[in-house]
Amino acid sequence: MQECVFCKIVNKQIPAFKIFENEKFIAILDIKPIAKGHALIIPKTHYETIQEMPETDCEQLLEAFKKVSSAIVKALKADGFNIGLNNGRAAGQEIMHCHWHIIPRFNNDGLKSWPQTSASEQELKKIHEQILNVLNTQELPL
């Protein structure tokens, strides 16, 4: 994709603070970090959402997560980290190239996770049935 900022970073047309690279992925520091050390893991191939990404890439993605998150935690003496994926515009995805956030967390850092709501047992049962129906009767991408 010619206009995709992440494709331009992968193709070295735009500079970035790259902290990791393997055959399928790169990791860079986010230029608008939520916390010190906030990084992005980006597939080198352009996929708009995770549903487009081949299953075969997932093993290398997990290896990248483990390596990059461990390095961030150790280097910054973080107390933990969040991994985030905004998949689709409704989920807050701004750059339409699938990517994951690794956000270092520190005790008492003041960052809030998403708010929780509650659901009745009847609502949960209905949602449960809807999801199981799709999983059991439709072919889904893996």
C-alpha atoms as a PDB file:
ATOM      1  CA  MET A   1       0.000   0.000   0.000  1.00  0.00           C
ATOM      2  CA  GLN A   2       1.586   3.212  -1.136  1.00  0.00           C
ATOM      3  CA  GLU A   3      -0.115   5.553   1.349  1.00  0.00           C
ATOM      4  CA  CYS A   4       0.206   3.317   4.412  1.00  0.00           C
ATOM      5  CA  VAL A   5       2.571   4.836   6.960  1.00  0.00           C
ATOM      6  CA  PHE A   6       3.486   1.418   8.370  1.00  0.00           C
ATOM      7  CA  CYS A   7       4.268   0.048   4.908  1.00  0.00           C
ATOM      8  CA  LYS A   8       6.528   3.075   4.407  1.00  0.00           C
ATOM      9  CA  ILE A   9       8.280   2.342   7.700  1.00  0.00           C
ATOM     10  CA  VAL A  10       8.699  -1.335   6.774  1.00  0.00           C
ATOM     11  CA  ASN A  11      10.133  -0.272   3.389  1.00  0.00           C
ATOM     12  CA  LYS A  12      12.484   2.242   5.068  1.00  0.00           C
ATOM     13  CA  GLN A  13      10.841   5.213   3.336  1.00  0.00           C
ATOM     14  CA  ILE A  14      10.091   6.771   6.736  1.00  0.00           C
ATOM     15  CA  PRO A  15      12.515   6.573   9.661  1.00  0.00           C
ATOM     16  CA  ALA A  16      11.479   4.869  12.882  1.00  0.00           C
ATOM     17  CA  PHE A  17      13.066   3.753  16.130  1.00  0.00           C
ATOM     18  CA  LYS A  18      13.115   0.038  15.267  1.00  0.00           C
ATOM     19  CA  ILE A  19      13.768  -2.193  18.257  1.00  0.00           C
ATOM     20  CA  PHE A  20      13.115  -5.632  16.745  1.00  0.00           C
ATOM     21  CA  GLU A  21      12.864  -7.374  13.401  1.00  0.00           C
ATOM     22  CA  ASN A  22      12.329 -10.926  12.228  1.00  0.00           C
ATOM     23  CA  GLU A  23      11.208 -12.416   8.919  1.00  0.00           C
ATOM     24  CA  LYS A  24       7.556 -11.355   9.309  1.00  0.00           C
ATOM     25  CA  PHE A  25       7.432  -8.466  11.816  1.00  0.00           C
ATOM     26  CA  ILE A  26       9.128  -5.325  13.013  1.00  0.00           C
ATOM     27  CA  ALA A  27       8.715  -3.526  16.328  1.00  0.00           C
ATOM     28  CA  ILE A  28       9.129   0.211  16.674  1.00  0.00           C
ATOM     29  CA  LEU A  29       8.696   2.765  19.410  1.00  0.00           C
ATOM     30  CA  ASP A  30       5.373   4.588  19.188  1.00  0.00           C
ATOM     31  CA  ILE A  31       5.867   8.297  18.402  1.00  0.00           C
ATOM     32  CA  LYS A  32       2.766   9.141  20.486  1.00  0.00           C
ATOM     33  CA  PRO A  33       3.361   6.856  23.462  1.00  0.00           C
ATOM     34  CA  ILE A  34       0.797   6.148  26.150  1.00  0.00           C
ATOM     35  CA  ALA A  35       3.704   5.285  28.466  1.00  0.00           C
ATOM     36  CA  LYS A  36       7.489   5.385  28.292  1.00  0.00           C
ATOM     37  CA  GLY A  37       8.617   2.506  26.060  1.00  0.00           C
ATOM     38  CA  HIS A  38       5.263   2.053  24.271  1.00  0.00           C
ATOM     39  CA  ALA A  39       6.056  -0.045  21.185  1.00  0.00           C
ATOM     40  CA  LEU A  40       4.200  -1.336  18.137  1.00  0.00           C
ATOM     41  CA  ILE A  41       4.599  -4.738  16.512  1.00  0.00           C
ATOM     42  CA  ILE A  42       3.796  -4.477  12.818  1.00  0.00           C
ATOM     43  CA  PRO A  43       3.552  -7.219  10.189  1.00  0.00           C
ATOM     44  CA  LYS A  44       5.827  -6.525   7.230  1.00  0.00           C
ATOM     45  CA  THR A  45       2.994  -7.545   4.902  1.00  0.00           C
ATOM     46  CA  HIS A  46       0.039  -5.176   4.741  1.00  0.00           C
ATOM     47  CA  TYR A  47      -3.017  -6.666   6.431  1.00  0.00           C
ATOM     48  CA  GLU A  48      -5.777  -4.252   7.376  1.00  0.00           C
ATOM     49  CA  THR A  49      -7.103  -6.439  10.216  1.00  0.00           C
ATOM     50  CA  ILE A  50      -6.025  -9.553  12.063  1.00  0.00           C
ATOM     51  CA  GLN A  51      -8.601 -11.603  10.158  1.00  0.00           C
ATOM     52  CA  GLU A  52      -6.541 -11.086   6.990  1.00  0.00           C
ATOM     53  CA  MET A  53      -3.304 -12.313   8.562  1.00  0.00           C
ATOM     54  CA  PRO A  54      -2.386 -15.951   7.816  1.00  0.00           C
ATOM     55  CA  GLU A  55      -2.384 -18.362  10.744  1.00  0.00           C
ATOM     56  CA  THR A  56       1.190 -19.320   9.893  1.00  0.00           C
ATOM     57  CA  ASP A  57       2.387 -15.859  10.976  1.00  0.00           C
ATOM     58  CA  CYS A  58       0.992 -16.254  14.503  1.00  0.00           C
ATOM     59  CA  GLU A  59       3.884 -18.354  15.812  1.00  0.00           C
ATOM     60  CA  GLN A  60       6.401 -15.671  14.841  1.00  0.00           C
ATOM     61  CA  LEU A  61       4.076 -12.993  16.250  1.00  0.00           C
ATOM     62  CA  LEU A  62       4.066 -14.725  19.639  1.00  0.00           C
ATOM     63  CA  GLU A  63       7.870 -14.999  19.560  1.00  0.00           C
ATOM     64  CA  ALA A  64       8.066 -11.269  18.779  1.00  0.00           C
ATOM     65  CA  PHE A  65       5.696 -10.428  21.662  1.00  0.00           C
ATOM     66  CA  LYS A  66       7.736 -12.444  24.123  1.00  0.00           C
ATOM     67  CA  LYS A  67      11.066 -11.032  23.040  1.00  0.00           C
ATOM     68  CA  VAL A  68      10.026  -7.368  22.702  1.00  0.00           C
ATOM     69  CA  SER A  69       7.896  -7.252  25.857  1.00  0.00           C
ATOM     70  CA  SER A  70      10.645  -8.939  27.901  1.00  0.00           C
ATOM     71  CA  ALA A  71      13.220  -6.456  26.624  1.00  0.00           C
ATOM     72  CA  ILE A  72      10.972  -3.471  27.375  1.00  0.00           C
ATOM     73  CA  VAL A  73      10.164  -4.688  30.888  1.00  0.00           C
ATOM     74  CA  LYS A  74      13.821  -5.379  31.670  1.00  0.00           C
ATOM     75  CA  ALA A  75      15.210  -2.191  30.106  1.00  0.00           C
ATOM     76  CA  LEU A  76      12.674   0.129  31.738  1.00  0.00           C
ATOM     77  CA  LYS A  77      12.190  -1.843  34.961  1.00  0.00           C
ATOM     78  CA  ALA A  78       8.456  -1.956  34.234  1.00  0.00           C
ATOM     79  CA  ASP A  79       6.130  -3.785  36.589  1.00  0.00           C
ATOM     80  CA  GLY A  80       4.051  -5.278  33.761  1.00  0.00           C
ATOM     81  CA  PHE A  81       2.640  -4.472  30.343  1.00  0.00           C
ATOM     82  CA  ASN A  82      -0.545  -4.433  28.297  1.00  0.00           C
ATOM     83  CA  ILE A  83      -0.878  -5.778  24.776  1.00  0.00           C
ATOM     84  CA  GLY A  84      -3.534  -4.066  22.693  1.00  0.00           C
ATOM     85  CA  LEU A  85      -5.033  -4.505  19.251  1.00  0.00           C
ATOM     86  CA  ASN A  86      -7.515  -2.009  17.861  1.00  0.00           C
ATOM     87  CA  ASN A  87      -9.120  -4.090  15.118  1.00  0.00           C
ATOM     88  CA  GLY A  88     -11.302  -1.934  12.848  1.00  0.00           C
ATOM     89  CA  ARG A  89     -12.322   1.705  13.027  1.00  0.00           C
ATOM     90  CA  ALA A  90     -15.068   1.047  15.593  1.00  0.00           C
ATOM     91  CA  ALA A  91     -12.355  -0.336  17.903  1.00  0.00           C
ATOM     92  CA  GLY A  92     -10.202   2.783  17.520  1.00  0.00           C
ATOM     93  CA  GLN A  93      -7.893   1.584  14.749  1.00  0.00           C
ATOM     94  CA  GLU A  94      -6.513   4.739  13.145  1.00  0.00           C
ATOM     95  CA  ILE A  95      -3.874   3.269  10.833  1.00  0.00           C
ATOM     96  CA  MET A  96      -5.479   0.589   8.707  1.00  0.00           C
ATOM     97  CA  HIS A  97      -2.489  -1.756   8.856  1.00  0.00           C
ATOM     98  CA  CYS A  98      -2.864  -4.375  11.565  1.00  0.00           C
ATOM     99  CA  HIS A  99      -0.548  -3.693  14.507  1.00  0.00           C
ATOM    100  CA  TRP A 100      -0.264  -4.450  18.205  1.00  0.00           C
ATOM    101  CA  HIS A 101       0.653  -2.125  21.051  1.00  0.00           C
ATOM    102  CA  ILE A 102       2.931  -3.160  23.884  1.00  0.00           C
ATOM    103  CA  ILE A 103       2.417  -0.638  26.670  1.00  0.00           C
ATOM    104  CA  PRO A 104       4.756  -0.883  29.662  1.00  0.00           C
ATOM    105  CA  ARG A 105       2.995  -0.476  32.995  1.00  0.00           C
ATOM    106  CA  PHE A 106       4.370   0.785  36.254  1.00  0.00           C
ATOM    107  CA  ASN A 107       2.838   0.466  39.696  1.00  0.00           C
ATOM    108  CA  ASN A 108       0.674   3.518  40.388  1.00  0.00           C
ATOM    109  CA  ASP A 109       1.187   4.916  36.862  1.00  0.00           C
ATOM    110  CA  GLY A 110      -2.379   6.237  36.784  1.00  0.00           C
ATOM    111  CA  LEU A 111      -3.259   4.593  33.458  1.00  0.00           C
ATOM    112  CA  LYS A 112      -6.747   3.147  33.427  1.00  0.00           C
ATOM    113  CA  SER A 113      -7.860   0.007  31.652  1.00  0.00           C
ATOM    114  CA  TRP A 114     -11.201  -0.001  29.862  1.00  0.00           C
ATOM    115  CA  PRO A 115     -14.306   0.382  32.001  1.00  0.00           C
ATOM    116  CA  GLN A 116     -16.248  -2.672  33.028  1.00  0.00           C
ATOM    117  CA  THR A 117     -19.996  -3.055  32.815  1.00  0.00           C
ATOM    118  CA  SER A 118     -22.250  -5.816  33.980  1.00  0.00           C
ATOM    119  CA  ALA A 119     -24.490  -8.228  32.133  1.00  0.00           C
ATOM    120  CA  SER A 120     -27.382 -10.305  33.349  1.00  0.00           C
ATOM    121  CA  GLU A 121     -27.245 -14.065  33.185  1.00  0.00           C
ATOM    122  CA  GLN A 122     -29.947 -13.910  30.491  1.00  0.00           C
ATOM    123  CA  GLU A 123     -27.827 -11.523  28.355  1.00  0.00           C
ATOM    124  CA  LEU A 124     -24.738 -13.693  28.784  1.00  0.00           C
ATOM    125  CA  LYS A 125     -26.693 -16.827  27.840  1.00  0.00           C
ATOM    126  CA  LYS A 126     -28.020 -15.169  24.655  1.00  0.00           C
ATOM    127  CA  ILE A 127     -24.552 -13.924  23.623  1.00  0.00           C
ATOM    128  CA  HIS A 128     -23.059 -17.323  24.465  1.00  0.00           C
ATOM    129  CA  GLU A 129     -25.579 -19.052  22.195  1.00  0.00           C
ATOM    130  CA  GLN A 130     -25.033 -16.573  19.346  1.00  0.00           C
ATOM    131  CA  ILE A 131     -21.257 -17.032  19.400  1.00  0.00           C
ATOM    132  CA  LEU A 132     -21.446 -20.819  19.694  1.00  0.00           C
ATOM    133  CA  ASN A 133     -23.889 -20.903  16.774  1.00  0.00           C
ATOM    134  CA  VAL A 134     -21.408 -19.073  14.550  1.00  0.00           C
ATOM    135  CA  LEU A 135     -18.437 -21.130  15.745  1.00  0.00           C
ATOM    136  CA  ASN A 136     -20.267 -24.410  15.217  1.00  0.00           C
ATOM    137  CA  THR A 137     -22.034 -23.719  11.932  1.00  0.00           C
ATOM    138  CA  GLN A 138     -19.916 -21.344   9.892  1.00  0.00           C
ATOM    139  CA  GLU A 139     -16.470 -21.536   8.403  1.00  0.00           C
ATOM    140  CA  LEU A 140     -14.321 -18.827   9.929  1.00  0.00           C
ATOM    141  CA  PRO A 141     -10.840 -17.707   8.921  1.00  0.00           C
ATOM    142  CA  LEU A 142      -8.018 -19.135  10.975  1.00  0.00           C
END
